[in-house]
Amino acid sequence: MTKTKPIVIGLTGSIGMGKTTTAKMFLAAGIPVWDADCTVHRLYSNDKVAISEISKICPEATKNGAVDRQALKVWLNDTPNGLSQIESIIHPLVAQDRQVFIDTNPAQIVVLDVPLLFETGLFKTVDYVVVVSAPAEIQRQRVLARPNMTEAQFETILAKQVPDAAKRAGADFVIDTTSLEKAEAAVQSILKHIQENTPQETPRA
């Protein structure tokens, strides 16, 4: 029988909105999750193509056979077009990894955990968009409680992200993360809705 493509949920949200915690709730419910950030970290750590290509444009950012993220950050801050150069290397590799995850996954539903789902246009390719959200003051408290985070850094990150209100407006589902209980209930409700509205595959005779 031909494998059916899984239903793809795009999970996103602005910094400090609770996306990582919510992704773990989907995992706990038995839903496979592909993590964009983890994929980038893995590419920097042990992908020969990524490491080789980055070393060509920024030799000082590769050490001991891997990409030194701190050294790369310094280089990016000092290089006007550095980010676009790195993205031209990393984005195709990330996209390939993501597609393999989707194509080879036997699950009925999968989640793509992508911080920049709207910013990169990837929201157009998924079946459902799920946005995690919380009031701005709670978001600020969460982010500023992180080690070494400053008000200036927080504002810089926010400026690069699609506003929370716009994300919520473009979502199929919004998860309120002001409490774990609300988030957990929302995850279960979303999965129930998708499962009930997905045609079941009919086995061949």
N, C-alpha and C. Protein backbone atom coordinates (compact mmCIF):
# COMPACT_ATOMS: atom_id res chain seq x y z
N MET A 1 0.85 -1.19 0.00
CA MET A 1 0.00 0.00 0.00
C MET A 1 0.88 1.24 0.00
N THR A 2 0.53 2.25 -0.82
CA THR A 2 1.31 3.47 -0.90
C THR A 2 1.22 4.26 0.40
N LYS A 3 2.37 4.75 0.84
CA LYS A 3 2.39 5.51 2.09
C LYS A 3 1.64 6.83 1.92
N THR A 4 0.79 7.16 2.89
CA THR A 4 0.06 8.42 2.87
C THR A 4 0.87 9.49 3.58
N LYS A 5 0.93 10.66 2.98
CA LYS A 5 1.66 11.77 3.59
C LYS A 5 0.99 12.16 4.92
N PRO A 6 1.77 12.37 5.97
CA PRO A 6 1.16 12.73 7.25
C PRO A 6 0.57 14.13 7.24
N ILE A 7 -0.36 14.37 8.13
CA ILE A 7 -0.85 15.72 8.37
C ILE A 7 0.26 16.50 9.05
N VAL A 8 0.59 17.67 8.52
CA VAL A 8 1.72 18.44 9.05
C VAL A 8 1.22 19.68 9.80
N ILE A 9 1.58 19.73 11.08
CA ILE A 9 1.28 20.90 11.92
C ILE A 9 2.52 21.77 12.00
N GLY A 10 2.37 23.05 11.70
CA GLY A 10 3.47 23.99 11.90
C GLY A 10 3.28 24.67 13.25
N LEU A 11 4.20 24.43 14.17
CA LEU A 11 4.11 25.02 15.51
C LEU A 11 5.07 26.19 15.61
N THR A 12 4.56 27.35 16.01
CA THR A 12 5.43 28.52 16.11
C THR A 12 4.94 29.47 17.19
N GLY A 13 5.70 30.53 17.39
CA GLY A 13 5.37 31.53 18.39
C GLY A 13 6.57 32.41 18.65
N SER A 14 6.33 33.60 19.09
CA SER A 14 7.42 34.53 19.36
C SER A 14 8.23 34.08 20.56
N ILE A 15 9.39 34.69 20.75
CA ILE A 15 10.27 34.35 21.85
C ILE A 15 9.53 34.47 23.19
N GLY A 16 9.73 33.47 24.05
CA GLY A 16 9.15 33.50 25.38
C GLY A 16 7.68 33.12 25.47
N MET A 17 7.11 32.66 24.37
CA MET A 17 5.68 32.33 24.37
C MET A 17 5.38 30.89 24.79
N GLY A 18 6.40 30.06 24.95
CA GLY A 18 6.16 28.70 25.44
C GLY A 18 6.15 27.63 24.39
N LYS A 19 6.80 27.89 23.26
CA LYS A 19 6.78 26.92 22.16
C LYS A 19 7.48 25.62 22.51
N THR A 20 8.64 25.72 23.15
CA THR A 20 9.42 24.52 23.48
C THR A 20 8.64 23.61 24.42
N THR A 21 8.01 24.21 25.42
CA THR A 21 7.20 23.43 26.37
C THR A 21 6.03 22.78 25.66
N THR A 22 5.39 23.51 24.76
CA THR A 22 4.24 22.98 24.03
C THR A 22 4.66 21.86 23.09
N ALA A 23 5.83 22.00 22.47
CA ALA A 23 6.32 20.94 21.59
C ALA A 23 6.48 19.64 22.37
N LYS A 24 6.94 19.75 23.60
CA LYS A 24 7.10 18.57 24.44
C LYS A 24 5.75 17.92 24.76
N MET A 25 4.70 18.73 24.81
CA MET A 25 3.36 18.19 25.05
C MET A 25 2.89 17.38 23.85
N PHE A 26 3.20 17.84 22.65
CA PHE A 26 2.86 17.06 21.46
C PHE A 26 3.64 15.74 21.46
N LEU A 27 4.92 15.82 21.82
CA LEU A 27 5.73 14.61 21.91
C LEU A 27 5.14 13.63 22.91
N ALA A 28 4.74 14.15 24.06
CA ALA A 28 4.17 13.30 25.11
C ALA A 28 2.87 12.65 24.66
N ALA A 29 2.19 13.28 23.69
CA ALA A 29 0.95 12.73 23.15
C ALA A 29 1.23 11.73 22.02
N GLY A 30 2.51 11.47 21.76
CA GLY A 30 2.88 10.49 20.75
C GLY A 30 3.05 11.05 19.36
N ILE A 31 3.13 12.38 19.24
CA ILE A 31 3.27 13.02 17.94
C ILE A 31 4.75 13.33 17.67
N PRO A 32 5.32 12.81 16.58
CA PRO A 32 6.73 13.10 16.26
C PRO A 32 6.92 14.60 16.00
N VAL A 33 8.01 15.15 16.52
CA VAL A 33 8.29 16.59 16.36
C VAL A 33 9.65 16.79 15.71
N TRP A 34 9.67 17.58 14.65
CA TRP A 34 10.93 18.00 14.02
C TRP A 34 11.25 19.39 14.52
N ASP A 35 12.43 19.57 15.07
CA ASP A 35 12.82 20.84 15.71
C ASP A 35 13.83 21.56 14.82
N ALA A 36 13.46 22.73 14.30
CA ALA A 36 14.33 23.48 13.40
C ALA A 36 15.63 23.89 14.08
N ASP A 37 15.54 24.39 15.31
CA ASP A 37 16.74 24.84 16.03
C ASP A 37 17.70 23.68 16.28
N CYS A 38 17.16 22.55 16.70
CA CYS A 38 18.00 21.37 16.96
C CYS A 38 18.67 20.90 15.68
N THR A 39 17.96 21.00 14.57
CA THR A 39 18.53 20.59 13.29
C THR A 39 19.72 21.47 12.93
N VAL A 40 19.59 22.78 13.13
CA VAL A 40 20.70 23.69 12.85
C VAL A 40 21.89 23.37 13.74
N HIS A 41 21.64 23.13 15.02
CA HIS A 41 22.72 22.77 15.95
C HIS A 41 23.43 21.50 15.48
N ARG A 42 22.65 20.53 15.02
CA ARG A 42 23.23 19.26 14.57
C ARG A 42 24.08 19.48 13.31
N LEU A 43 23.61 20.32 12.42
CA LEU A 43 24.38 20.62 11.21
C LEU A 43 25.71 21.29 11.57
N TYR A 44 25.66 22.21 12.51
CA TYR A 44 26.88 22.89 12.94
C TYR A 44 27.84 21.94 13.63
N SER A 45 27.31 20.90 14.25
CA SER A 45 28.15 20.00 15.04
C SER A 45 28.80 18.90 14.21
N ASN A 46 28.03 18.32 13.28
CA ASN A 46 28.59 17.14 12.60
C ASN A 46 28.24 16.96 11.14
N ASP A 47 27.69 18.01 10.48
CA ASP A 47 27.41 17.87 9.06
C ASP A 47 28.61 18.37 8.27
N LYS A 48 29.24 17.46 7.55
CA LYS A 48 30.49 17.79 6.85
C LYS A 48 30.30 18.88 5.80
N VAL A 49 29.17 18.85 5.10
CA VAL A 49 28.92 19.85 4.07
C VAL A 49 28.78 21.24 4.69
N ALA A 50 27.95 21.34 5.72
CA ALA A 50 27.73 22.63 6.38
C ALA A 50 29.03 23.19 6.94
N ILE A 51 29.76 22.35 7.64
CA ILE A 51 31.01 22.79 8.29
C ILE A 51 32.04 23.21 7.24
N SER A 52 32.15 22.44 6.18
CA SER A 52 33.11 22.75 5.12
C SER A 52 32.79 24.07 4.43
N GLU A 53 31.51 24.26 4.09
CA GLU A 53 31.10 25.48 3.39
C GLU A 53 31.26 26.72 4.26
N ILE A 54 30.93 26.58 5.56
CA ILE A 54 31.09 27.72 6.47
C ILE A 54 32.56 28.06 6.67
N SER A 55 33.39 27.05 6.70
CA SER A 55 34.83 27.28 6.89
C SER A 55 35.43 28.05 5.72
N LYS A 56 34.82 27.93 4.54
CA LYS A 56 35.34 28.63 3.36
C LYS A 56 35.13 30.14 3.46
N ILE A 57 34.01 30.53 4.06
CA ILE A 57 33.73 31.97 4.15
C ILE A 57 34.11 32.55 5.51
N CYS A 58 34.26 31.68 6.50
CA CYS A 58 34.60 32.15 7.85
C CYS A 58 35.45 31.10 8.57
N PRO A 59 36.73 31.00 8.21
CA PRO A 59 37.60 29.97 8.78
C PRO A 59 37.68 30.00 10.30
N GLU A 60 37.61 31.20 10.87
CA GLU A 60 37.74 31.32 12.33
C GLU A 60 36.54 30.76 13.08
N ALA A 61 35.45 30.48 12.35
CA ALA A 61 34.24 29.96 13.02
C ALA A 61 34.20 28.45 13.08
N THR A 62 35.19 27.78 12.51
CA THR A 62 35.23 26.32 12.61
C THR A 62 36.43 25.89 13.45
N LYS A 63 36.14 25.11 14.48
CA LYS A 63 37.18 24.63 15.39
C LYS A 63 36.92 23.18 15.75
N ASN A 64 37.96 22.39 15.73
CA ASN A 64 37.85 20.97 16.09
C ASN A 64 36.78 20.24 15.28
N GLY A 65 36.71 20.57 14.01
CA GLY A 65 35.80 19.86 13.13
C GLY A 65 34.34 20.20 13.30
N ALA A 66 34.04 21.34 13.90
CA ALA A 66 32.65 21.76 14.09
C ALA A 66 32.58 23.29 14.01
N VAL A 67 31.37 23.80 13.92
CA VAL A 67 31.19 25.25 13.89
C VAL A 67 31.13 25.76 15.32
N ASP A 68 31.97 26.74 15.63
CA ASP A 68 31.96 27.40 16.92
C ASP A 68 30.91 28.51 16.85
N ARG A 69 29.79 28.30 17.50
CA ARG A 69 28.66 29.22 17.38
C ARG A 69 28.99 30.62 17.90
N GLN A 70 29.79 30.70 18.95
CA GLN A 70 30.15 32.00 19.49
C GLN A 70 31.04 32.77 18.52
N ALA A 71 32.01 32.08 17.93
CA ALA A 71 32.88 32.72 16.95
C ALA A 71 32.08 33.13 15.71
N LEU A 72 31.13 32.30 15.32
CA LEU A 72 30.28 32.63 14.18
C LEU A 72 29.44 33.87 14.48
N LYS A 73 28.94 33.97 15.70
CA LYS A 73 28.13 35.12 16.10
C LYS A 73 28.94 36.41 16.00
N VAL A 74 30.20 36.35 16.44
CA VAL A 74 31.07 37.53 16.36
C VAL A 74 31.27 37.93 14.90
N TRP A 75 31.52 36.94 14.06
CA TRP A 75 31.73 37.20 12.63
C TRP A 75 30.48 37.79 11.99
N LEU A 76 29.31 37.27 12.35
CA LEU A 76 28.06 37.78 11.81
C LEU A 76 27.83 39.24 12.20
N ASN A 77 28.20 39.57 13.44
CA ASN A 77 28.02 40.95 13.90
C ASN A 77 28.93 41.92 13.15
N ASP A 78 30.06 41.41 12.66
CA ASP A 78 31.04 42.26 11.98
C ASP A 78 30.94 42.21 10.46
N THR A 79 30.05 41.36 9.95
CA THR A 79 29.96 41.16 8.49
C THR A 79 28.57 41.53 7.99
N PRO A 80 28.45 42.63 7.26
CA PRO A 80 27.13 43.12 6.83
C PRO A 80 26.27 42.09 6.11
N ASN A 81 26.85 41.33 5.19
CA ASN A 81 26.05 40.34 4.45
C ASN A 81 26.33 38.92 4.94
N GLY A 82 26.88 38.81 6.13
CA GLY A 82 27.24 37.50 6.67
C GLY A 82 26.05 36.57 6.86
N LEU A 83 24.95 37.12 7.36
CA LEU A 83 23.79 36.27 7.65
C LEU A 83 23.24 35.63 6.38
N SER A 84 23.15 36.41 5.32
CA SER A 84 22.63 35.86 4.06
C SER A 84 23.56 34.77 3.51
N GLN A 85 24.87 34.93 3.73
CA GLN A 85 25.82 33.91 3.28
C GLN A 85 25.62 32.60 4.05
N ILE A 86 25.47 32.72 5.36
CA ILE A 86 25.27 31.53 6.19
C ILE A 86 23.94 30.87 5.85
N GLU A 87 22.91 31.70 5.68
CA GLU A 87 21.58 31.16 5.37
C GLU A 87 21.58 30.41 4.04
N SER A 88 22.35 30.90 3.07
CA SER A 88 22.39 30.23 1.77
C SER A 88 23.01 28.84 1.88
N ILE A 89 23.81 28.63 2.91
CA ILE A 89 24.42 27.32 3.15
C ILE A 89 23.48 26.43 3.97
N ILE A 90 22.96 27.00 5.06
CA ILE A 90 22.22 26.21 6.05
C ILE A 90 20.77 25.93 5.63
N HIS A 91 20.09 26.92 5.07
CA HIS A 91 18.67 26.75 4.77
C HIS A 91 18.37 25.56 3.85
N PRO A 92 19.11 25.34 2.76
CA PRO A 92 18.82 24.17 1.93
C PRO A 92 19.02 22.84 2.67
N LEU A 93 20.03 22.79 3.55
CA LEU A 93 20.29 21.57 4.32
C LEU A 93 19.18 21.33 5.33
N VAL A 94 18.71 22.41 5.95
CA VAL A 94 17.61 22.30 6.90
C VAL A 94 16.34 21.84 6.19
N ALA A 95 16.07 22.43 5.03
CA ALA A 95 14.88 22.06 4.25
C ALA A 95 14.92 20.59 3.84
N GLN A 96 16.10 20.13 3.46
CA GLN A 96 16.26 18.72 3.08
C GLN A 96 15.98 17.80 4.26
N ASP A 97 16.53 18.15 5.42
CA ASP A 97 16.32 17.36 6.63
C ASP A 97 14.84 17.32 7.00
N ARG A 98 14.19 18.46 6.89
CA ARG A 98 12.76 18.56 7.23
C ARG A 98 11.93 17.69 6.29
N GLN A 99 12.25 17.70 5.01
CA GLN A 99 11.48 16.93 4.05
C GLN A 99 11.66 15.43 4.26
N VAL A 100 12.87 15.03 4.58
CA VAL A 100 13.13 13.61 4.87
C VAL A 100 12.30 13.17 6.08
N PHE A 101 12.24 14.04 7.11
CA PHE A 101 11.44 13.74 8.29
C PHE A 101 9.98 13.50 7.92
N ILE A 102 9.44 14.37 7.06
CA ILE A 102 8.03 14.24 6.66
C ILE A 102 7.82 13.00 5.80
N ASP A 103 8.70 12.81 4.82
CA ASP A 103 8.51 11.73 3.85
C ASP A 103 8.69 10.34 4.43
N THR A 104 9.50 10.23 5.47
CA THR A 104 9.81 8.90 6.01
C THR A 104 9.08 8.60 7.31
N ASN A 105 8.25 9.55 7.78
CA ASN A 105 7.59 9.33 9.06
C ASN A 105 6.30 8.54 8.89
N PRO A 106 6.14 7.45 9.62
CA PRO A 106 4.95 6.62 9.48
C PRO A 106 3.73 7.15 10.25
N ALA A 107 3.93 8.20 11.02
CA ALA A 107 2.84 8.72 11.86
C ALA A 107 1.76 9.41 11.02
N GLN A 108 0.55 9.44 11.58
CA GLN A 108 -0.57 10.10 10.89
C GLN A 108 -0.42 11.62 10.96
N ILE A 109 0.14 12.10 12.07
CA ILE A 109 0.32 13.54 12.30
C ILE A 109 1.75 13.79 12.73
N VAL A 110 2.37 14.84 12.20
CA VAL A 110 3.70 15.24 12.66
C VAL A 110 3.69 16.74 12.93
N VAL A 111 4.64 17.18 13.74
CA VAL A 111 4.75 18.61 14.08
C VAL A 111 6.11 19.12 13.61
N LEU A 112 6.09 20.29 12.97
CA LEU A 112 7.31 21.00 12.63
C LEU A 112 7.42 22.17 13.62
N ASP A 113 8.41 22.11 14.49
CA ASP A 113 8.65 23.16 15.48
C ASP A 113 9.58 24.18 14.83
N VAL A 114 9.00 25.30 14.38
CA VAL A 114 9.77 26.29 13.60
C VAL A 114 9.55 27.69 14.15
N PRO A 115 10.55 28.28 14.82
CA PRO A 115 10.39 29.62 15.37
C PRO A 115 10.00 30.67 14.33
N LEU A 116 10.57 30.57 13.14
CA LEU A 116 10.34 31.57 12.09
C LEU A 116 9.40 31.02 11.00
N LEU A 117 8.35 30.35 11.40
CA LEU A 117 7.42 29.75 10.44
C LEU A 117 6.82 30.80 9.52
N PHE A 118 6.42 31.94 10.08
CA PHE A 118 5.84 33.01 9.27
C PHE A 118 6.92 33.80 8.54
N GLU A 119 8.01 34.08 9.23
CA GLU A 119 9.06 34.90 8.66
C GLU A 119 9.69 34.27 7.42
N THR A 120 9.75 32.95 7.38
CA THR A 120 10.36 32.24 6.24
C THR A 120 9.34 31.83 5.18
N GLY A 121 8.05 32.02 5.47
CA GLY A 121 7.01 31.62 4.52
C GLY A 121 6.65 30.16 4.60
N LEU A 122 7.24 29.43 5.55
CA LEU A 122 6.98 27.99 5.64
C LEU A 122 5.54 27.69 6.05
N PHE A 123 4.87 28.67 6.63
CA PHE A 123 3.47 28.48 7.04
C PHE A 123 2.58 28.11 5.86
N LYS A 124 3.00 28.48 4.66
CA LYS A 124 2.20 28.19 3.46
C LYS A 124 2.24 26.71 3.08
N THR A 125 3.20 25.97 3.62
CA THR A 125 3.41 24.59 3.20
C THR A 125 2.81 23.55 4.15
N VAL A 126 2.31 23.99 5.31
CA VAL A 126 1.80 23.03 6.30
C VAL A 126 0.29 22.94 6.22
N ASP A 127 -0.26 21.90 6.83
CA ASP A 127 -1.71 21.71 6.82
C ASP A 127 -2.41 22.55 7.88
N TYR A 128 -1.78 22.72 9.02
CA TYR A 128 -2.33 23.53 10.11
C TYR A 128 -1.23 24.37 10.73
N VAL A 129 -1.57 25.61 11.07
CA VAL A 129 -0.64 26.48 11.79
C VAL A 129 -1.12 26.62 13.22
N VAL A 130 -0.24 26.28 14.16
CA VAL A 130 -0.54 26.40 15.59
C VAL A 130 0.40 27.44 16.18
N VAL A 131 -0.16 28.46 16.80
CA VAL A 131 0.63 29.54 17.40
C VAL A 131 0.47 29.52 18.91
N VAL A 132 1.59 29.53 19.61
CA VAL A 132 1.55 29.64 21.06
C VAL A 132 1.62 31.11 21.43
N SER A 133 0.86 31.51 22.45
CA SER A 133 0.79 32.92 22.78
C SER A 133 0.50 33.13 24.26
N ALA A 134 0.93 34.28 24.74
CA ALA A 134 0.67 34.70 26.12
C ALA A 134 0.70 36.22 26.14
N PRO A 135 0.14 36.85 27.16
CA PRO A 135 0.18 38.32 27.24
C PRO A 135 1.61 38.85 27.18
N ALA A 136 1.76 40.05 26.62
CA ALA A 136 3.09 40.64 26.42
C ALA A 136 3.90 40.73 27.71
N GLU A 137 3.25 41.04 28.82
CA GLU A 137 3.99 41.19 30.07
C GLU A 137 4.53 39.85 30.56
N ILE A 138 3.77 38.80 30.38
CA ILE A 138 4.24 37.47 30.76
C ILE A 138 5.41 37.07 29.86
N GLN A 139 5.27 37.35 28.56
CA GLN A 139 6.35 37.08 27.62
C GLN A 139 7.64 37.79 28.06
N ARG A 140 7.52 39.07 28.39
CA ARG A 140 8.69 39.85 28.80
C ARG A 140 9.34 39.26 30.06
N GLN A 141 8.51 38.89 31.03
CA GLN A 141 9.03 38.32 32.28
C GLN A 141 9.79 37.03 32.00
N ARG A 142 9.24 36.19 31.16
CA ARG A 142 9.88 34.90 30.84
C ARG A 142 11.23 35.12 30.16
N VAL A 143 11.26 36.02 29.18
CA VAL A 143 12.49 36.21 28.42
C VAL A 143 13.57 36.86 29.27
N LEU A 144 13.22 37.88 30.05
CA LEU A 144 14.22 38.58 30.84
C LEU A 144 14.73 37.74 32.01
N ALA A 145 14.03 36.64 32.30
CA ALA A 145 14.50 35.72 33.36
C ALA A 145 15.58 34.79 32.84
N ARG A 146 15.80 34.78 31.52
CA ARG A 146 16.83 33.92 30.94
C ARG A 146 18.23 34.46 31.26
N PRO A 147 19.19 33.57 31.42
CA PRO A 147 20.56 34.02 31.73
C PRO A 147 21.11 34.94 30.64
N ASN A 148 21.73 36.03 31.07
CA ASN A 148 22.42 36.97 30.18
C ASN A 148 21.51 37.71 29.20
N MET A 149 20.21 37.64 29.38
CA MET A 149 19.29 38.35 28.50
C MET A 149 19.09 39.78 29.00
N THR A 150 19.14 40.73 28.09
CA THR A 150 18.93 42.13 28.44
C THR A 150 17.70 42.68 27.73
N GLU A 151 17.22 43.83 28.19
CA GLU A 151 16.08 44.49 27.55
C GLU A 151 16.41 44.78 26.08
N ALA A 152 17.63 45.25 25.82
CA ALA A 152 18.02 45.60 24.45
C ALA A 152 18.01 44.38 23.55
N GLN A 153 18.54 43.25 24.05
CA GLN A 153 18.54 42.02 23.26
C GLN A 153 17.12 41.55 22.97
N PHE A 154 16.28 41.64 23.98
CA PHE A 154 14.89 41.23 23.83
C PHE A 154 14.20 42.06 22.75
N GLU A 155 14.38 43.37 22.80
CA GLU A 155 13.75 44.26 21.83
C GLU A 155 14.29 44.00 20.42
N THR A 156 15.57 43.70 20.31
CA THR A 156 16.17 43.41 19.01
C THR A 156 15.56 42.15 18.41
N ILE A 157 15.40 41.12 19.24
CA ILE A 157 14.81 39.86 18.78
C ILE A 157 13.36 40.08 18.35
N LEU A 158 12.61 40.80 19.17
CA LEU A 158 11.20 41.07 18.85
C LEU A 158 11.06 41.80 17.51
N ALA A 159 11.97 42.73 17.26
CA ALA A 159 11.90 43.54 16.04
C ALA A 159 12.07 42.71 14.79
N LYS A 160 12.73 41.56 14.91
CA LYS A 160 12.97 40.69 13.76
C LYS A 160 11.86 39.67 13.56
N GLN A 161 10.94 39.60 14.50
CA GLN A 161 9.88 38.60 14.42
C GLN A 161 8.56 39.22 14.00
N VAL A 162 7.75 38.45 13.31
CA VAL A 162 6.39 38.87 12.99
C VAL A 162 5.65 39.08 14.32
N PRO A 163 4.93 40.19 14.49
CA PRO A 163 4.24 40.46 15.76
C PRO A 163 3.29 39.33 16.16
N ASP A 164 3.15 39.16 17.47
CA ASP A 164 2.30 38.09 18.00
C ASP A 164 0.88 38.20 17.45
N ALA A 165 0.33 39.40 17.38
CA ALA A 165 -1.05 39.57 16.91
C ALA A 165 -1.20 39.09 15.47
N ALA A 166 -0.19 39.35 14.64
CA ALA A 166 -0.24 38.90 13.25
C ALA A 166 -0.16 37.38 13.16
N LYS A 167 0.67 36.79 14.02
CA LYS A 167 0.78 35.33 14.04
C LYS A 167 -0.55 34.70 14.45
N ARG A 168 -1.16 35.26 15.49
CA ARG A 168 -2.44 34.72 15.94
C ARG A 168 -3.51 34.84 14.84
N ALA A 169 -3.46 35.95 14.12
CA ALA A 169 -4.43 36.17 13.04
C ALA A 169 -4.24 35.16 11.91
N GLY A 170 -3.02 34.68 11.72
CA GLY A 170 -2.74 33.73 10.65
C GLY A 170 -2.78 32.28 11.09
N ALA A 171 -3.19 32.03 12.32
CA ALA A 171 -3.18 30.67 12.86
C ALA A 171 -4.50 29.95 12.65
N ASP A 172 -4.40 28.63 12.54
CA ASP A 172 -5.60 27.80 12.57
C ASP A 172 -6.01 27.55 14.02
N PHE A 173 -5.01 27.47 14.89
CA PHE A 173 -5.26 27.27 16.32
C PHE A 173 -4.28 28.14 17.11
N VAL A 174 -4.76 28.71 18.21
CA VAL A 174 -3.88 29.47 19.12
C VAL A 174 -3.90 28.77 20.47
N ILE A 175 -2.71 28.53 21.00
CA ILE A 175 -2.59 27.88 22.31
C ILE A 175 -2.21 28.92 23.35
N ASP A 176 -3.06 29.09 24.35
CA ASP A 176 -2.79 30.00 25.46
C ASP A 176 -1.83 29.29 26.42
N THR A 177 -0.63 29.85 26.59
CA THR A 177 0.37 29.19 27.44
C THR A 177 0.54 29.87 28.80
N THR A 178 -0.49 30.59 29.23
CA THR A 178 -0.39 31.23 30.55
C THR A 178 -0.34 30.20 31.67
N SER A 179 -0.80 28.99 31.37
CA SER A 179 -0.67 27.90 32.35
C SER A 179 -0.44 26.60 31.60
N LEU A 180 0.24 25.67 32.27
CA LEU A 180 0.49 24.36 31.67
C LEU A 180 -0.82 23.63 31.40
N GLU A 181 -1.78 23.81 32.29
CA GLU A 181 -3.06 23.13 32.15
C GLU A 181 -3.80 23.59 30.89
N LYS A 182 -3.80 24.90 30.66
CA LYS A 182 -4.47 25.43 29.46
C LYS A 182 -3.78 24.94 28.19
N ALA A 183 -2.47 24.96 28.21
CA ALA A 183 -1.72 24.52 27.03
C ALA A 183 -1.95 23.04 26.75
N GLU A 184 -1.91 22.23 27.79
CA GLU A 184 -2.11 20.80 27.63
C GLU A 184 -3.50 20.50 27.09
N ALA A 185 -4.51 21.18 27.62
CA ALA A 185 -5.88 20.98 27.15
C ALA A 185 -6.01 21.38 25.69
N ALA A 186 -5.33 22.46 25.30
CA ALA A 186 -5.40 22.92 23.92
C ALA A 186 -4.75 21.93 22.97
N VAL A 187 -3.62 21.38 23.37
CA VAL A 187 -2.94 20.38 22.54
C VAL A 187 -3.85 19.18 22.30
N GLN A 188 -4.46 18.69 23.36
CA GLN A 188 -5.36 17.54 23.21
C GLN A 188 -6.56 17.86 22.34
N SER A 189 -7.09 19.08 22.48
CA SER A 189 -8.25 19.50 21.69
C SER A 189 -7.89 19.61 20.20
N ILE A 190 -6.72 20.15 19.92
CA ILE A 190 -6.26 20.29 18.53
C ILE A 190 -6.08 18.93 17.88
N LEU A 191 -5.43 18.03 18.59
CA LEU A 191 -5.21 16.68 18.05
C LEU A 191 -6.54 15.96 17.81
N LYS A 192 -7.46 16.13 18.72
CA LYS A 192 -8.78 15.51 18.57
C LYS A 192 -9.49 16.05 17.33
N HIS A 193 -9.41 17.36 17.17
CA HIS A 193 -10.05 18.00 16.01
C HIS A 193 -9.45 17.48 14.70
N ILE A 194 -8.13 17.44 14.63
CA ILE A 194 -7.47 17.01 13.40
C ILE A 194 -7.78 15.54 13.09
N GLN A 195 -7.73 14.71 14.13
CA GLN A 195 -8.00 13.28 13.93
C GLN A 195 -9.43 13.05 13.47
N GLU A 196 -10.36 13.82 14.01
CA GLU A 196 -11.77 13.65 13.64
C GLU A 196 -12.07 14.18 12.25
N ASN A 197 -11.22 15.08 11.75
CA ASN A 197 -11.47 15.69 10.45
C ASN A 197 -10.51 15.22 9.36
N THR A 198 -9.79 14.14 9.66
CA THR A 198 -8.86 13.56 8.68
C THR A 198 -9.45 12.25 8.14
N PRO A 199 -9.68 12.17 6.84
CA PRO A 199 -10.21 10.92 6.26
C PRO A 199 -9.28 9.75 6.58
N GLN A 200 -9.85 8.67 6.98
CA GLN A 200 -9.05 7.48 7.29
C GLN A 200 -8.67 6.75 6.01
N GLU A 201 -7.43 6.27 5.98
CA GLU A 201 -6.94 5.55 4.81
C GLU A 201 -7.66 4.19 4.71
N THR A 202 -8.12 3.88 3.52
CA THR A 202 -8.82 2.62 3.31
C THR A 202 -7.85 1.56 2.78
N PRO A 203 -7.68 0.48 3.50
CA PRO A 203 -6.74 -0.56 3.03
C PRO A 203 -7.20 -1.13 1.70
N ARG A 204 -6.24 -1.51 0.88
CA ARG A 204 -6.56 -2.13 -0.39
C ARG A 204 -7.06 -3.56 -0.17
N ALA A 205 -7.95 -3.99 -1.04
CA ALA A 205 -8.49 -5.36 -0.92
C ALA A 205 -7.42 -6.37 -1.27
